[in-house]
Amino acid sequence: MFIVPLNNTITPLNTPSQIGSSEKAQGGNNNSENVGGFLDIFRESYDAAAEAQRISEEDSIKVMTGEIDDPAQIAINAQKAALSLQTFVSLKNTAVDAYKEMMQIQI
């Protein structure tokens, strides 16, 4: 069996902690270098889910205190929160499944 040597064209992957520390060292998020990274997508999805949940909780408090301006908007915000949470969980599950598949790859 003959093994072909690899060139130095393969770059190692950074761990999430290394990515966060390199962004801080560079003074923020450098979009020209890190366009569409999975970590950015995951963070945006989490932030959107958290924000939708916060808005839905505020609406629930308004319903309890009787400060309702538009009942339809409260229902819409509740559905947005549920949908953004489902999207985030689906993204997380897809990432975990991909990780499991990668770990099963034999080198």
N, C-alpha and C. Protein backbone atom coordinates (compact mmCIF):
# COMPACT_ATOMS: atom_id res chain seq x y z
N MET A 1 0.84 -1.17 0.00
CA MET A 1 0.00 0.00 0.00
C MET A 1 0.89 1.24 0.00
N PHE A 2 0.58 2.15 -0.88
CA PHE A 2 1.37 3.37 -1.02
C PHE A 2 0.56 4.55 -0.50
N ILE A 3 1.16 5.34 0.38
CA ILE A 3 0.49 6.52 0.94
C ILE A 3 1.07 7.76 0.28
N VAL A 4 0.19 8.54 -0.32
CA VAL A 4 0.61 9.76 -0.99
C VAL A 4 0.75 10.86 0.05
N PRO A 5 1.90 11.53 0.12
CA PRO A 5 2.06 12.61 1.10
C PRO A 5 1.19 13.81 0.74
N LEU A 6 0.67 14.45 1.76
CA LEU A 6 -0.17 15.63 1.56
C LEU A 6 0.70 16.88 1.47
N ASN A 7 0.25 17.80 0.66
CA ASN A 7 0.91 19.10 0.61
C ASN A 7 0.46 19.94 1.80
N ASN A 8 1.04 21.07 1.99
CA ASN A 8 0.68 21.95 3.08
C ASN A 8 -0.52 22.84 2.74
N THR A 9 -1.43 22.34 1.91
CA THR A 9 -2.59 23.14 1.53
C THR A 9 -3.75 23.00 2.51
N ILE A 10 -3.67 22.06 3.43
CA ILE A 10 -4.73 21.87 4.41
C ILE A 10 -4.43 22.73 5.63
N THR A 11 -5.39 23.56 5.98
CA THR A 11 -5.21 24.41 7.16
C THR A 11 -6.04 23.83 8.30
N PRO A 12 -5.53 23.89 9.52
CA PRO A 12 -6.27 23.34 10.65
C PRO A 12 -7.48 24.20 10.99
N LEU A 13 -8.51 23.56 11.53
CA LEU A 13 -9.70 24.28 11.95
C LEU A 13 -9.46 24.91 13.30
N ASN A 14 -10.06 26.07 13.51
CA ASN A 14 -9.99 26.73 14.81
C ASN A 14 -11.14 26.26 15.68
N THR A 15 -10.90 26.14 16.98
CA THR A 15 -11.97 25.83 17.90
C THR A 15 -12.77 27.10 18.15
N PRO A 16 -14.01 27.00 18.64
CA PRO A 16 -14.80 28.21 18.89
C PRO A 16 -14.12 29.20 19.83
N SER A 17 -13.37 28.70 20.81
CA SER A 17 -12.69 29.62 21.73
C SER A 17 -11.56 30.35 21.01
N GLN A 18 -10.89 29.69 20.07
CA GLN A 18 -9.84 30.35 19.30
C GLN A 18 -10.43 31.39 18.36
N ILE A 19 -11.60 31.10 17.81
CA ILE A 19 -12.24 32.05 16.90
C ILE A 19 -12.63 33.30 17.67
N GLY A 20 -13.22 33.12 18.85
CA GLY A 20 -13.63 34.27 19.66
C GLY A 20 -12.44 35.11 20.09
N SER A 21 -11.33 34.46 20.47
CA SER A 21 -10.16 35.21 20.90
C SER A 21 -9.47 35.91 19.73
N SER A 22 -9.52 35.31 18.53
CA SER A 22 -8.90 35.97 17.39
C SER A 22 -9.73 37.17 16.94
N GLU A 23 -11.07 37.10 17.11
CA GLU A 23 -11.91 38.25 16.77
C GLU A 23 -11.63 39.40 17.73
N LYS A 24 -11.46 39.08 19.02
CA LYS A 24 -11.17 40.13 20.00
C LYS A 24 -9.80 40.75 19.71
N ALA A 25 -8.85 39.92 19.32
CA ALA A 25 -7.51 40.42 19.04
C ALA A 25 -7.50 41.31 17.80
N GLN A 26 -8.40 41.02 16.85
CA GLN A 26 -8.45 41.81 15.63
C GLN A 26 -9.30 43.05 15.80
N GLY A 27 -9.95 43.19 16.95
CA GLY A 27 -10.75 44.37 17.20
C GLY A 27 -12.16 44.26 16.64
N GLY A 28 -12.72 43.08 16.64
CA GLY A 28 -14.10 42.92 16.16
C GLY A 28 -14.19 41.82 15.15
N ASN A 29 -15.28 41.84 14.42
CA ASN A 29 -15.55 40.81 13.42
C ASN A 29 -15.08 41.29 12.07
N ASN A 30 -14.14 40.61 11.49
CA ASN A 30 -13.60 40.97 10.19
C ASN A 30 -14.38 40.23 9.12
N ASN A 31 -15.36 40.89 8.49
CA ASN A 31 -16.24 40.21 7.55
C ASN A 31 -15.55 39.78 6.28
N SER A 32 -14.48 40.45 5.87
CA SER A 32 -13.82 40.06 4.64
C SER A 32 -13.12 38.71 4.78
N GLU A 33 -12.73 38.37 5.99
CA GLU A 33 -12.00 37.12 6.21
C GLU A 33 -12.91 35.98 6.66
N ASN A 34 -13.96 36.28 7.39
CA ASN A 34 -14.78 35.25 8.02
C ASN A 34 -16.23 35.38 7.56
N VAL A 35 -16.47 35.31 6.27
CA VAL A 35 -17.79 35.50 5.72
C VAL A 35 -18.60 34.21 5.85
N GLY A 36 -19.77 34.30 6.47
CA GLY A 36 -20.68 33.17 6.53
C GLY A 36 -20.18 31.98 7.32
N GLY A 37 -19.41 32.20 8.35
CA GLY A 37 -18.94 31.10 9.17
C GLY A 37 -20.08 30.48 9.96
N PHE A 38 -19.95 29.19 10.26
CA PHE A 38 -21.00 28.51 10.99
C PHE A 38 -21.22 29.12 12.36
N LEU A 39 -20.16 29.51 13.02
CA LEU A 39 -20.29 30.10 14.35
C LEU A 39 -21.12 31.38 14.29
N ASP A 40 -20.92 32.19 13.25
CA ASP A 40 -21.71 33.41 13.10
C ASP A 40 -23.18 33.09 12.88
N ILE A 41 -23.46 32.10 12.06
CA ILE A 41 -24.84 31.70 11.79
C ILE A 41 -25.49 31.18 13.06
N PHE A 42 -24.76 30.36 13.81
CA PHE A 42 -25.27 29.80 15.06
C PHE A 42 -25.56 30.90 16.07
N ARG A 43 -24.64 31.86 16.20
CA ARG A 43 -24.85 32.97 17.13
C ARG A 43 -26.04 33.83 16.73
N GLU A 44 -26.17 34.12 15.44
CA GLU A 44 -27.30 34.92 14.97
C GLU A 44 -28.62 34.21 15.23
N SER A 45 -28.65 32.92 15.02
CA SER A 45 -29.87 32.14 15.26
C SER A 45 -30.21 32.14 16.75
N TYR A 46 -29.21 31.99 17.59
CA TYR A 46 -29.43 32.03 19.04
C TYR A 46 -29.91 33.41 19.48
N ASP A 47 -29.26 34.45 18.99
CA ASP A 47 -29.66 35.81 19.35
C ASP A 47 -31.08 36.12 18.90
N ALA A 48 -31.45 35.67 17.70
CA ALA A 48 -32.81 35.90 17.20
C ALA A 48 -33.83 35.16 18.05
N ALA A 49 -33.52 33.93 18.45
CA ALA A 49 -34.43 33.16 19.29
C ALA A 49 -34.57 33.81 20.66
N ALA A 50 -33.47 34.27 21.23
CA ALA A 50 -33.52 34.91 22.54
C ALA A 50 -34.31 36.22 22.49
N GLU A 51 -34.11 37.01 21.44
CA GLU A 51 -34.83 38.27 21.30
C GLU A 51 -36.33 38.03 21.10
N ALA A 52 -36.70 37.06 20.28
CA ALA A 52 -38.11 36.75 20.07
C ALA A 52 -38.75 36.25 21.36
N GLN A 53 -38.01 35.47 22.12
CA GLN A 53 -38.53 34.98 23.40
C GLN A 53 -38.71 36.13 24.38
N ARG A 54 -37.78 37.07 24.40
CA ARG A 54 -37.88 38.23 25.29
C ARG A 54 -39.12 39.07 24.95
N ILE A 55 -39.35 39.29 23.66
CA ILE A 55 -40.51 40.07 23.22
C ILE A 55 -41.80 39.34 23.59
N SER A 56 -41.82 38.03 23.42
CA SER A 56 -43.00 37.24 23.75
C SER A 56 -43.28 37.29 25.25
N GLU A 57 -42.24 37.25 26.06
CA GLU A 57 -42.42 37.34 27.52
C GLU A 57 -42.95 38.71 27.92
N GLU A 58 -42.46 39.78 27.27
CA GLU A 58 -42.98 41.12 27.54
C GLU A 58 -44.45 41.21 27.17
N ASP A 59 -44.82 40.59 26.05
CA ASP A 59 -46.22 40.58 25.65
C ASP A 59 -47.09 39.82 26.65
N SER A 60 -46.57 38.73 27.19
CA SER A 60 -47.31 37.97 28.20
C SER A 60 -47.57 38.82 29.44
N ILE A 61 -46.58 39.60 29.83
CA ILE A 61 -46.75 40.49 30.99
C ILE A 61 -47.80 41.55 30.68
N LYS A 62 -47.79 42.08 29.45
CA LYS A 62 -48.79 43.08 29.06
C LYS A 62 -50.20 42.49 29.09
N VAL A 63 -50.35 41.23 28.68
CA VAL A 63 -51.65 40.58 28.73
C VAL A 63 -52.13 40.46 30.17
N MET A 64 -51.22 40.06 31.07
CA MET A 64 -51.59 39.88 32.47
C MET A 64 -51.96 41.19 33.15
N THR A 65 -51.29 42.27 32.76
CA THR A 65 -51.56 43.57 33.39
C THR A 65 -52.66 44.34 32.67
N GLY A 66 -53.12 43.85 31.54
CA GLY A 66 -54.20 44.51 30.82
C GLY A 66 -53.75 45.66 29.94
N GLU A 67 -52.49 45.71 29.59
CA GLU A 67 -51.95 46.79 28.75
C GLU A 67 -51.87 46.37 27.29
N ILE A 68 -52.88 45.69 26.80
CA ILE A 68 -52.87 45.14 25.44
C ILE A 68 -53.24 46.24 24.45
N ASP A 69 -52.38 46.46 23.45
CA ASP A 69 -52.70 47.39 22.38
C ASP A 69 -53.28 46.65 21.18
N ASP A 70 -52.65 45.55 20.82
CA ASP A 70 -53.06 44.79 19.64
C ASP A 70 -52.95 43.30 19.92
N PRO A 71 -54.06 42.63 20.19
CA PRO A 71 -54.00 41.20 20.50
C PRO A 71 -53.42 40.36 19.36
N ALA A 72 -53.64 40.78 18.14
CA ALA A 72 -53.10 40.02 17.00
C ALA A 72 -51.58 40.05 17.00
N GLN A 73 -51.00 41.19 17.35
CA GLN A 73 -49.54 41.31 17.37
C GLN A 73 -48.95 40.41 18.46
N ILE A 74 -49.65 40.24 19.56
CA ILE A 74 -49.18 39.36 20.63
C ILE A 74 -49.13 37.92 20.13
N ALA A 75 -50.16 37.51 19.40
CA ALA A 75 -50.18 36.15 18.84
C ALA A 75 -49.07 35.97 17.81
N ILE A 76 -48.85 37.00 17.00
CA ILE A 76 -47.78 36.93 16.00
C ILE A 76 -46.42 36.82 16.67
N ASN A 77 -46.19 37.61 17.73
CA ASN A 77 -44.91 37.56 18.44
C ASN A 77 -44.70 36.20 19.10
N ALA A 78 -45.77 35.60 19.62
CA ALA A 78 -45.65 34.27 20.23
C ALA A 78 -45.27 33.23 19.17
N GLN A 79 -45.87 33.33 17.99
CA GLN A 79 -45.53 32.40 16.91
C GLN A 79 -44.10 32.61 16.41
N LYS A 80 -43.66 33.88 16.36
CA LYS A 80 -42.27 34.16 15.97
C LYS A 80 -41.30 33.53 16.96
N ALA A 81 -41.61 33.64 18.26
CA ALA A 81 -40.74 33.06 19.27
C ALA A 81 -40.68 31.54 19.13
N ALA A 82 -41.84 30.92 18.91
CA ALA A 82 -41.86 29.46 18.76
C ALA A 82 -41.10 29.03 17.52
N LEU A 83 -41.29 29.74 16.41
CA LEU A 83 -40.62 29.38 15.17
C LEU A 83 -39.10 29.60 15.25
N SER A 84 -38.68 30.69 15.88
CA SER A 84 -37.23 30.93 15.99
C SER A 84 -36.58 29.90 16.90
N LEU A 85 -37.29 29.46 17.94
CA LEU A 85 -36.74 28.42 18.81
C LEU A 85 -36.65 27.09 18.06
N GLN A 86 -37.67 26.76 17.28
CA GLN A 86 -37.63 25.53 16.48
C GLN A 86 -36.49 25.57 15.47
N THR A 87 -36.27 26.73 14.86
CA THR A 87 -35.17 26.88 13.90
C THR A 87 -33.83 26.68 14.58
N PHE A 88 -33.66 27.28 15.75
CA PHE A 88 -32.41 27.15 16.49
C PHE A 88 -32.16 25.69 16.88
N VAL A 89 -33.18 25.02 17.38
CA VAL A 89 -33.02 23.62 17.79
C VAL A 89 -32.71 22.74 16.58
N SER A 90 -33.35 23.03 15.46
CA SER A 90 -33.07 22.27 14.24
C SER A 90 -31.63 22.48 13.78
N LEU A 91 -31.16 23.71 13.86
CA LEU A 91 -29.78 24.02 13.49
C LEU A 91 -28.80 23.30 14.41
N LYS A 92 -29.11 23.29 15.70
CA LYS A 92 -28.26 22.59 16.67
C LYS A 92 -28.23 21.10 16.39
N ASN A 93 -29.40 20.52 16.12
CA ASN A 93 -29.47 19.09 15.84
C ASN A 93 -28.70 18.73 14.57
N THR A 94 -28.79 19.58 13.56
CA THR A 94 -28.05 19.34 12.32
C THR A 94 -26.54 19.39 12.57
N ALA A 95 -26.12 20.34 13.39
CA ALA A 95 -24.69 20.45 13.71
C ALA A 95 -24.21 19.22 14.49
N VAL A 96 -25.01 18.75 15.43
CA VAL A 96 -24.63 17.57 16.21
C VAL A 96 -24.57 16.34 15.32
N ASP A 97 -25.55 16.20 14.42
CA ASP A 97 -25.54 15.06 13.50
C ASP A 97 -24.32 15.10 12.58
N ALA A 98 -23.98 16.29 12.09
CA ALA A 98 -22.81 16.42 11.23
C ALA A 98 -21.54 16.08 12.00
N TYR A 99 -21.46 16.52 13.25
CA TYR A 99 -20.29 16.20 14.09
C TYR A 99 -20.17 14.69 14.29
N LYS A 100 -21.31 14.04 14.57
CA LYS A 100 -21.29 12.60 14.77
C LYS A 100 -20.83 11.87 13.50
N GLU A 101 -21.31 12.33 12.36
CA GLU A 101 -20.87 11.72 11.09
C GLU A 101 -19.38 11.90 10.87
N MET A 102 -18.88 13.09 11.18
CA MET A 102 -17.45 13.35 10.99
C MET A 102 -16.61 12.48 11.92
N MET A 103 -17.11 12.23 13.13
CA MET A 103 -16.36 11.40 14.06
C MET A 103 -16.33 9.93 13.63
N GLN A 104 -17.27 9.53 12.80
CA GLN A 104 -17.31 8.15 12.34
C GLN A 104 -16.45 7.93 11.10
N ILE A 105 -15.97 8.99 10.51
CA ILE A 105 -15.13 8.87 9.32
C ILE A 105 -13.80 8.24 9.71
N GLN A 106 -13.41 7.23 8.99
CA GLN A 106 -12.14 6.58 9.27
C GLN A 106 -11.08 7.19 8.35
N ILE A 107 -9.98 7.53 8.96
CA ILE A 107 -8.90 8.16 8.20
C ILE A 107 -7.85 7.14 7.86
